[in-house]
PDB file of N, CA and C in Angstrom:
ATOM      1  N   UNK A   1     -24.301 -67.353 118.879  1.00  0.00           N
ATOM      2  CA  UNK A   1     -24.221 -67.098 117.454  1.00  0.00           C
ATOM      3  C   UNK A   1     -23.047 -66.148 117.204  1.00  0.00           C
ATOM      4  N   UNK A   2     -22.226 -66.489 116.214  1.00  0.00           N
ATOM      5  CA  UNK A   2     -21.129 -65.593 115.842  1.00  0.00           C
ATOM      6  C   UNK A   2     -21.284 -65.218 114.367  1.00  0.00           C
ATOM      7  N   UNK A   3     -20.749 -64.059 114.016  1.00  0.00           N
ATOM      8  CA  UNK A   3     -20.776 -63.592 112.636  1.00  0.00           C
ATOM      9  C   UNK A   3     -19.350 -63.335 112.185  1.00  0.00           C
ATOM     10  N   UNK A   4     -19.030 -63.813 110.993  1.00  0.00           N
ATOM     11  CA  UNK A   4     -17.729 -63.560 110.391  1.00  0.00           C
ATOM     12  C   UNK A   4     -17.925 -63.302 108.913  1.00  0.00           C
ATOM     13  N   UNK A   5     -16.868 -62.903 108.243  1.00  0.00           N
ATOM     14  CA  UNK A   5     -16.900 -62.650 106.802  1.00  0.00           C
ATOM     15  C   UNK A   5     -16.170 -63.792 106.104  1.00  0.00           C
ATOM     16  N   UNK A   6     -16.845 -64.423 105.137  1.00  0.00           N
ATOM     17  CA  UNK A   6     -16.218 -65.461 104.326  1.00  0.00           C
ATOM     18  C   UNK A   6     -16.351 -65.039 102.870  1.00  0.00           C
ATOM     19  N   UNK A   7     -15.221 -64.833 102.221  1.00  0.00           N
ATOM     20  CA  UNK A   7     -15.192 -64.361 100.831  1.00  0.00           C
ATOM     21  C   UNK A   7     -16.054 -63.113 100.650  1.00  0.00           C
ATOM     22  N   UNK A   8     -15.941 -62.206 101.633  1.00  0.00           N
ATOM     23  CA  UNK A   8     -16.614 -60.920 101.550  1.00  0.00           C
ATOM     24  C   UNK A   8     -18.075 -60.914 101.935  1.00  0.00           C
ATOM     25  N   UNK A   9     -18.623 -62.061 102.348  1.00  0.00           N
ATOM     26  CA  UNK A   9     -20.039 -62.132 102.702  1.00  0.00           C
ATOM     27  C   UNK A   9     -20.190 -62.512 104.171  1.00  0.00           C
ATOM     28  N   UNK A  10     -21.191 -61.938 104.842  1.00  0.00           N
ATOM     29  CA  UNK A  10     -21.401 -62.301 106.245  1.00  0.00           C
ATOM     30  C   UNK A  10     -21.903 -63.743 106.366  1.00  0.00           C
ATOM     31  N   UNK A  11     -21.353 -64.463 107.327  1.00  0.00           N
ATOM     32  CA  UNK A  11     -21.745 -65.842 107.607  1.00  0.00           C
ATOM     33  C   UNK A  11     -21.995 -65.950 109.101  1.00  0.00           C
ATOM     34  N   UNK A  12     -23.091 -66.598 109.467  1.00  0.00           N
ATOM     35  CA  UNK A  12     -23.397 -66.822 110.874  1.00  0.00           C
ATOM     36  C   UNK A  12     -23.188 -68.291 111.205  1.00  0.00           C
ATOM     37  N   UNK A  13     -22.506 -68.541 112.306  1.00  0.00           N
ATOM     38  CA  UNK A  13     -22.291 -69.892 112.808  1.00  0.00           C
ATOM     39  C   UNK A  13     -22.833 -69.969 114.223  1.00  0.00           C
ATOM     40  N   UNK A  14     -23.230 -71.157 114.640  1.00  0.00           N
ATOM     41  CA  UNK A  14     -23.777 -71.333 115.986  1.00  0.00           C
ATOM     42  C   UNK A  14     -22.776 -70.968 117.069  1.00  0.00           C
ATOM     43  N   UNK A  15     -21.503 -71.257 116.819  1.00  0.00           N
ATOM     44  CA  UNK A  15     -20.448 -71.010 117.817  1.00  0.00           C
ATOM     45  C   UNK A  15     -19.091 -70.994 117.105  1.00  0.00           C
ATOM     46  N   UNK A  16     -18.049 -70.714 117.830  1.00  0.00           N
ATOM     47  CA  UNK A  16     -16.700 -70.809 117.271  1.00  0.00           C
ATOM     48  C   UNK A  16     -16.535 -72.208 116.687  1.00  0.00           C
ATOM     49  N   UNK A  17     -15.936 -72.274 115.495  1.00  0.00           N
ATOM     50  CA  UNK A  17     -15.890 -73.525 114.740  1.00  0.00           C
ATOM     51  C   UNK A  17     -14.493 -73.753 114.190  1.00  0.00           C
ATOM     52  N   UNK A  18     -13.952 -74.957 114.344  1.00  0.00           N
ATOM     53  CA  UNK A  18     -12.655 -75.246 113.724  1.00  0.00           C
ATOM     54  C   UNK A  18     -12.732 -75.063 112.208  1.00  0.00           C
ATOM     55  N   UNK A  19     -11.699 -74.490 111.631  1.00  0.00           N
ATOM     56  CA  UNK A  19     -11.657 -74.251 110.189  1.00  0.00           C
ATOM     57  C   UNK A  19     -11.899 -75.539 109.412  1.00  0.00           C
ATOM     58  N   UNK A  20     -11.262 -76.631 109.814  1.00  0.00           N
ATOM     59  CA  UNK A  20     -11.411 -77.896 109.098  1.00  0.00           C
ATOM     60  C   UNK A  20     -12.870 -78.353 109.115  1.00  0.00           C
ATOM     61  N   UNK A  21     -13.552 -78.198 110.241  1.00  0.00           N
ATOM     62  CA  UNK A  21     -14.970 -78.576 110.328  1.00  0.00           C
ATOM     63  C   UNK A  21     -15.819 -77.699 109.412  1.00  0.00           C
ATOM     64  N   UNK A  22     -15.486 -76.415 109.321  1.00  0.00           N
ATOM     65  CA  UNK A  22     -16.229 -75.522 108.432  1.00  0.00           C
ATOM     66  C   UNK A  22     -16.025 -75.918 106.974  1.00  0.00           C
ATOM     67  N   UNK A  23     -14.794 -76.230 106.593  1.00  0.00           N
ATOM     68  CA  UNK A  23     -14.530 -76.664 105.227  1.00  0.00           C
ATOM     69  C   UNK A  23     -15.290 -77.946 104.905  1.00  0.00           C
ATOM     70  N   UNK A  24     -15.306 -78.887 105.843  1.00  0.00           N
ATOM     71  CA  UNK A  24     -16.062 -80.134 105.651  1.00  0.00           C
ATOM     72  C   UNK A  24     -17.547 -79.835 105.475  1.00  0.00           C
ATOM     73  N   UNK A  25     -18.061 -78.925 106.266  1.00  0.00           N
ATOM     74  CA  UNK A  25     -19.479 -78.529 106.173  1.00  0.00           C
ATOM     75  C   UNK A  25     -19.800 -77.976 104.786  1.00  0.00           C
ATOM     76  N   UNK A  26     -18.837 -77.281 104.194  1.00  0.00           N
ATOM     77  CA  UNK A  26     -19.023 -76.737 102.847  1.00  0.00           C
ATOM     78  C   UNK A  26     -18.822 -77.792 101.765  1.00  0.00           C
ATOM     79  N   UNK A  27     -18.299 -78.963 102.143  1.00  0.00           N
ATOM     80  CA  UNK A  27     -17.999 -79.998 101.166  1.00  0.00           C
ATOM     81  C   UNK A  27     -16.714 -79.720 100.405  1.00  0.00           C
ATOM     82  N   UNK A  28     -15.804 -78.996 101.048  1.00  0.00           N
ATOM     83  CA  UNK A  28     -14.551 -78.580 100.422  1.00  0.00           C
ATOM     84  C   UNK A  28     -13.409 -79.452 100.919  1.00  0.00           C
ATOM     85  N   UNK A  29     -12.615 -79.962  99.995  1.00  0.00           N
ATOM     86  CA  UNK A  29     -11.425 -80.735 100.338  1.00  0.00           C
ATOM     87  C   UNK A  29     -10.326 -79.757 100.757  1.00  0.00           C
ATOM     88  N   UNK A  30      -9.858 -79.821 102.002  1.00  0.00           N
ATOM     89  CA  UNK A  30      -8.826 -78.881 102.465  1.00  0.00           C
ATOM     90  C   UNK A  30      -7.551 -78.910 101.615  1.00  0.00           C
ATOM     91  N   UNK A  31      -7.312 -80.010 100.918  1.00  0.00           N
ATOM     92  CA  UNK A  31      -6.112 -80.093 100.072  1.00  0.00           C
ATOM     93  C   UNK A  31      -6.277 -79.338  98.758  1.00  0.00           C
ATOM     94  N   UNK A  32      -7.510 -78.921  98.442  1.00  0.00           N
ATOM     95  CA  UNK A  32      -7.781 -78.278  97.161  1.00  0.00           C
ATOM     96  C   UNK A  32      -8.082 -76.787  97.288  1.00  0.00           C
ATOM     97  N   UNK A  33      -7.786 -76.210  98.462  1.00  0.00           N
ATOM     98  CA  UNK A  33      -8.057 -74.787  98.654  1.00  0.00           C
ATOM     99  C   UNK A  33      -6.874 -74.095  99.323  1.00  0.00           C
ATOM    100  N   UNK A  34      -6.838 -72.792  99.130  1.00  0.00           N
ATOM    101  CA  UNK A  34      -5.929 -71.932  99.889  1.00  0.00           C
ATOM    102  C   UNK A  34      -6.818 -71.087 100.796  1.00  0.00           C
ATOM    103  N   UNK A  35      -6.376 -70.859 102.031  1.00  0.00           N
ATOM    104  CA  UNK A  35      -7.189 -70.110 102.990  1.00  0.00           C
ATOM    105  C   UNK A  35      -6.375 -68.950 103.562  1.00  0.00           C
ATOM    106  N   UNK A  36      -7.009 -67.785 103.560  1.00  0.00           N
ATOM    107  CA  UNK A  36      -6.452 -66.606 104.226  1.00  0.00           C
ATOM    108  C   UNK A  36      -7.340 -66.335 105.434  1.00  0.00           C
ATOM    109  N   UNK A  37      -6.730 -66.212 106.601  1.00  0.00           N
ATOM    110  CA  UNK A  37      -7.474 -65.997 107.846  1.00  0.00           C
ATOM    111  C   UNK A  37      -6.986 -64.704 108.472  1.00  0.00           C
ATOM    112  N   UNK A  38      -7.869 -63.724 108.549  1.00  0.00           N
ATOM    113  CA  UNK A  38      -7.530 -62.411 109.122  1.00  0.00           C
ATOM    114  C   UNK A  38      -6.265 -61.823 108.497  1.00  0.00           C
ATOM    115  N   UNK A  39      -6.192 -61.901 107.169  1.00  0.00           N
ATOM    116  CA  UNK A  39      -5.096 -61.279 106.436  1.00  0.00           C
ATOM    117  C   UNK A  39      -3.836 -62.114 106.316  1.00  0.00           C
ATOM    118  N   UNK A  40      -3.825 -63.309 106.879  1.00  0.00           N
ATOM    119  CA  UNK A  40      -2.640 -64.163 106.833  1.00  0.00           C
ATOM    120  C   UNK A  40      -2.947 -65.440 106.047  1.00  0.00           C
ATOM    121  N   UNK A  41      -2.146 -65.710 105.027  1.00  0.00           N
ATOM    122  CA  UNK A  41      -2.311 -66.944 104.262  1.00  0.00           C
ATOM    123  C   UNK A  41      -1.810 -68.094 105.116  1.00  0.00           C
ATOM    124  N   UNK A  42      -2.672 -69.098 105.272  1.00  0.00           N
ATOM    125  CA  UNK A  42      -2.346 -70.229 106.140  1.00  0.00           C
ATOM    126  C   UNK A  42      -1.654 -71.349 105.391  1.00  0.00           C
ATOM    127  N   UNK A  43      -0.687 -71.965 106.045  1.00  0.00           N
ATOM    128  CA  UNK A  43      -0.126 -73.215 105.554  1.00  0.00           C
ATOM    129  C   UNK A  43      -1.181 -74.289 105.792  1.00  0.00           C
ATOM    130  N   UNK A  44      -1.270 -75.265 104.900  1.00  0.00           N
ATOM    131  CA  UNK A  44      -2.269 -76.330 105.096  1.00  0.00           C
ATOM    132  C   UNK A  44      -2.084 -77.030 106.438  1.00  0.00           C
ATOM    133  N   UNK A  45      -0.857 -77.148 106.877  1.00  0.00           N
ATOM    134  CA  UNK A  45      -0.594 -77.816 108.154  1.00  0.00           C
ATOM    135  C   UNK A  45      -1.192 -77.050 109.334  1.00  0.00           C
ATOM    136  N   UNK A  46      -1.519 -75.775 109.140  1.00  0.00           N
ATOM    137  CA  UNK A  46      -2.094 -74.960 110.219  1.00  0.00           C
ATOM    138  C   UNK A  46      -3.621 -75.012 110.252  1.00  0.00           C
ATOM    139  N   UNK A  47      -4.257 -75.554 109.216  1.00  0.00           N
ATOM    140  CA  UNK A  47      -5.722 -75.564 109.152  1.00  0.00           C
ATOM    141  C   UNK A  47      -6.330 -76.186 110.404  1.00  0.00           C
ATOM    142  N   UNK A  48      -5.741 -77.267 110.888  1.00  0.00           N
ATOM    143  CA  UNK A  48      -6.306 -77.990 112.037  1.00  0.00           C
ATOM    144  C   UNK A  48      -6.231 -77.183 113.330  1.00  0.00           C
ATOM    145  N   UNK A  49      -5.344 -76.202 113.388  1.00  0.00           N
ATOM    146  CA  UNK A  49      -5.180 -75.444 114.632  1.00  0.00           C
ATOM    147  C   UNK A  49      -5.941 -74.117 114.637  1.00  0.00           C
ATOM    148  N   UNK A  50      -6.643 -73.799 113.542  1.00  0.00           N
ATOM    149  CA  UNK A  50      -7.358 -72.521 113.444  1.00  0.00           C
ATOM    150  C   UNK A  50      -8.831 -72.729 113.786  1.00  0.00           C
ATOM    151  N   UNK A  51      -9.343 -71.856 114.646  1.00  0.00           N
ATOM    152  CA  UNK A  51     -10.756 -71.858 114.998  1.00  0.00           C
ATOM    153  C   UNK A  51     -11.357 -70.530 114.544  1.00  0.00           C
ATOM    154  N   UNK A  52     -12.467 -70.609 113.828  1.00  0.00           N
ATOM    155  CA  UNK A  52     -13.160 -69.408 113.362  1.00  0.00           C
ATOM    156  C   UNK A  52     -13.948 -68.808 114.509  1.00  0.00           C
ATOM    157  N   UNK A  53     -13.767 -67.491 114.714  1.00  0.00           N
ATOM    158  CA  UNK A  53     -14.385 -66.791 115.839  1.00  0.00           C
ATOM    159  C   UNK A  53     -15.090 -65.520 115.365  1.00  0.00           C
ATOM    160  N   UNK A  54     -15.847 -64.936 116.253  1.00  0.00           N
ATOM    161  CA  UNK A  54     -16.579 -63.693 115.982  1.00  0.00           C
ATOM    162  C   UNK A  54     -15.667 -62.662 115.340  1.00  0.00           C
ATOM    163  N   UNK A  55     -16.135 -62.080 114.218  1.00  0.00           N
ATOM    164  CA  UNK A  55     -15.418 -60.996 113.562  1.00  0.00           C
ATOM    165  C   UNK A  55     -14.289 -61.419 112.636  1.00  0.00           C
ATOM    166  N   UNK A  56     -13.979 -62.708 112.563  1.00  0.00           N
ATOM    167  CA  UNK A  56     -12.901 -63.161 111.670  1.00  0.00           C
ATOM    168  C   UNK A  56     -13.230 -62.846 110.220  1.00  0.00           C
ATOM    169  N   UNK A  57     -12.178 -62.682 109.432  1.00  0.00           N
ATOM    170  CA  UNK A  57     -12.308 -62.507 107.986  1.00  0.00           C
ATOM    171  C   UNK A  57     -11.541 -63.633 107.315  1.00  0.00           C
ATOM    172  N   UNK A  58     -12.256 -64.368 106.457  1.00  0.00           N
ATOM    173  CA  UNK A  58     -11.693 -65.559 105.834  1.00  0.00           C
ATOM    174  C   UNK A  58     -11.904 -65.481 104.324  1.00  0.00           C
ATOM    175  N   UNK A  59     -10.874 -65.837 103.592  1.00  0.00           N
ATOM    176  CA  UNK A  59     -10.981 -65.987 102.148  1.00  0.00           C
ATOM    177  C   UNK A  59     -10.625 -67.427 101.821  1.00  0.00           C
ATOM    178  N   UNK A  60     -11.481 -68.097 101.066  1.00  0.00           N
ATOM    179  CA  UNK A  60     -11.250 -69.477 100.664  1.00  0.00           C
ATOM    180  C   UNK A  60     -11.190 -69.492  99.146  1.00  0.00           C
ATOM    181  N   UNK A  61     -10.072 -69.941  98.609  1.00  0.00           N
ATOM    182  CA  UNK A  61      -9.878 -69.946  97.153  1.00  0.00           C
ATOM    183  C   UNK A  61      -9.664 -71.384  96.707  1.00  0.00           C
ATOM    184  N   UNK A  62     -10.492 -71.848  95.790  1.00  0.00           N
ATOM    185  CA  UNK A  62     -10.360 -73.201  95.250  1.00  0.00           C
ATOM    186  C   UNK A  62      -9.298 -73.228  94.156  1.00  0.00           C
ATOM    187  N   UNK A  63      -8.516 -74.285  94.158  1.00  0.00           N
ATOM    188  CA  UNK A  63      -7.504 -74.471  93.132  1.00  0.00           C
ATOM    189  C   UNK A  63      -8.200 -74.968  91.862  1.00  0.00           C
ATOM    190  N   UNK A  64      -7.832 -74.379  90.734  1.00  0.00           N
ATOM    191  CA  UNK A  64      -8.426 -74.766  89.462  1.00  0.00           C
ATOM    192  C   UNK A  64      -7.295 -75.107  88.506  1.00  0.00           C
ATOM    193  N   UNK A  65      -7.377 -76.271  87.908  1.00  0.00           N
ATOM    194  CA  UNK A  65      -6.378 -76.673  86.920  1.00  0.00           C
ATOM    195  C   UNK A  65      -6.841 -76.280  85.532  1.00  0.00           C
ATOM    196  N   UNK A  66      -5.935 -76.354  84.611  1.00  0.00           N
ATOM    197  CA  UNK A  66      -6.309 -76.067  83.230  1.00  0.00           C
ATOM    198  C   UNK A  66      -5.271 -75.215  82.544  1.00  0.00           C
ATOM    199  N   UNK A  67      -5.651 -74.710  81.432  1.00  0.00           N
ATOM    200  CA  UNK A  67      -4.734 -73.892  80.643  1.00  0.00           C
ATOM    201  C   UNK A  67      -4.127 -74.708  79.525  1.00  0.00           C
ATOM    202  N   UNK A  68      -3.271 -74.107  78.782  1.00  0.00           N
ATOM    203  CA  UNK A  68      -2.623 -74.805  77.686  1.00  0.00           C
ATOM    204  C   UNK A  68      -1.237 -75.241  78.084  1.00  0.00           C
ATOM    205  N   UNK A  69      -0.857 -76.427  77.641  1.00  0.00           N
ATOM    206  CA  UNK A  69       0.479 -76.926  78.007  1.00  0.00           C
ATOM    207  C   UNK A  69       1.596 -76.185  77.304  1.00  0.00           C
TER     208      UNK A  69
END
């Protein structure tokens, strides 16, 4: 069991987990979010190479459209 912080809240996972698998588990489209991993904003192309581990800090921000033209 590992514990990490996701959007400021503790999250427990069975084991180290690829970021893409975690996003899929949440039902999140990786193309519609920005991810910060341990203080570093990730390029989308890097999502597949990141594995979430004990003590990691992750921020996941969903893109929202709207506003006035």
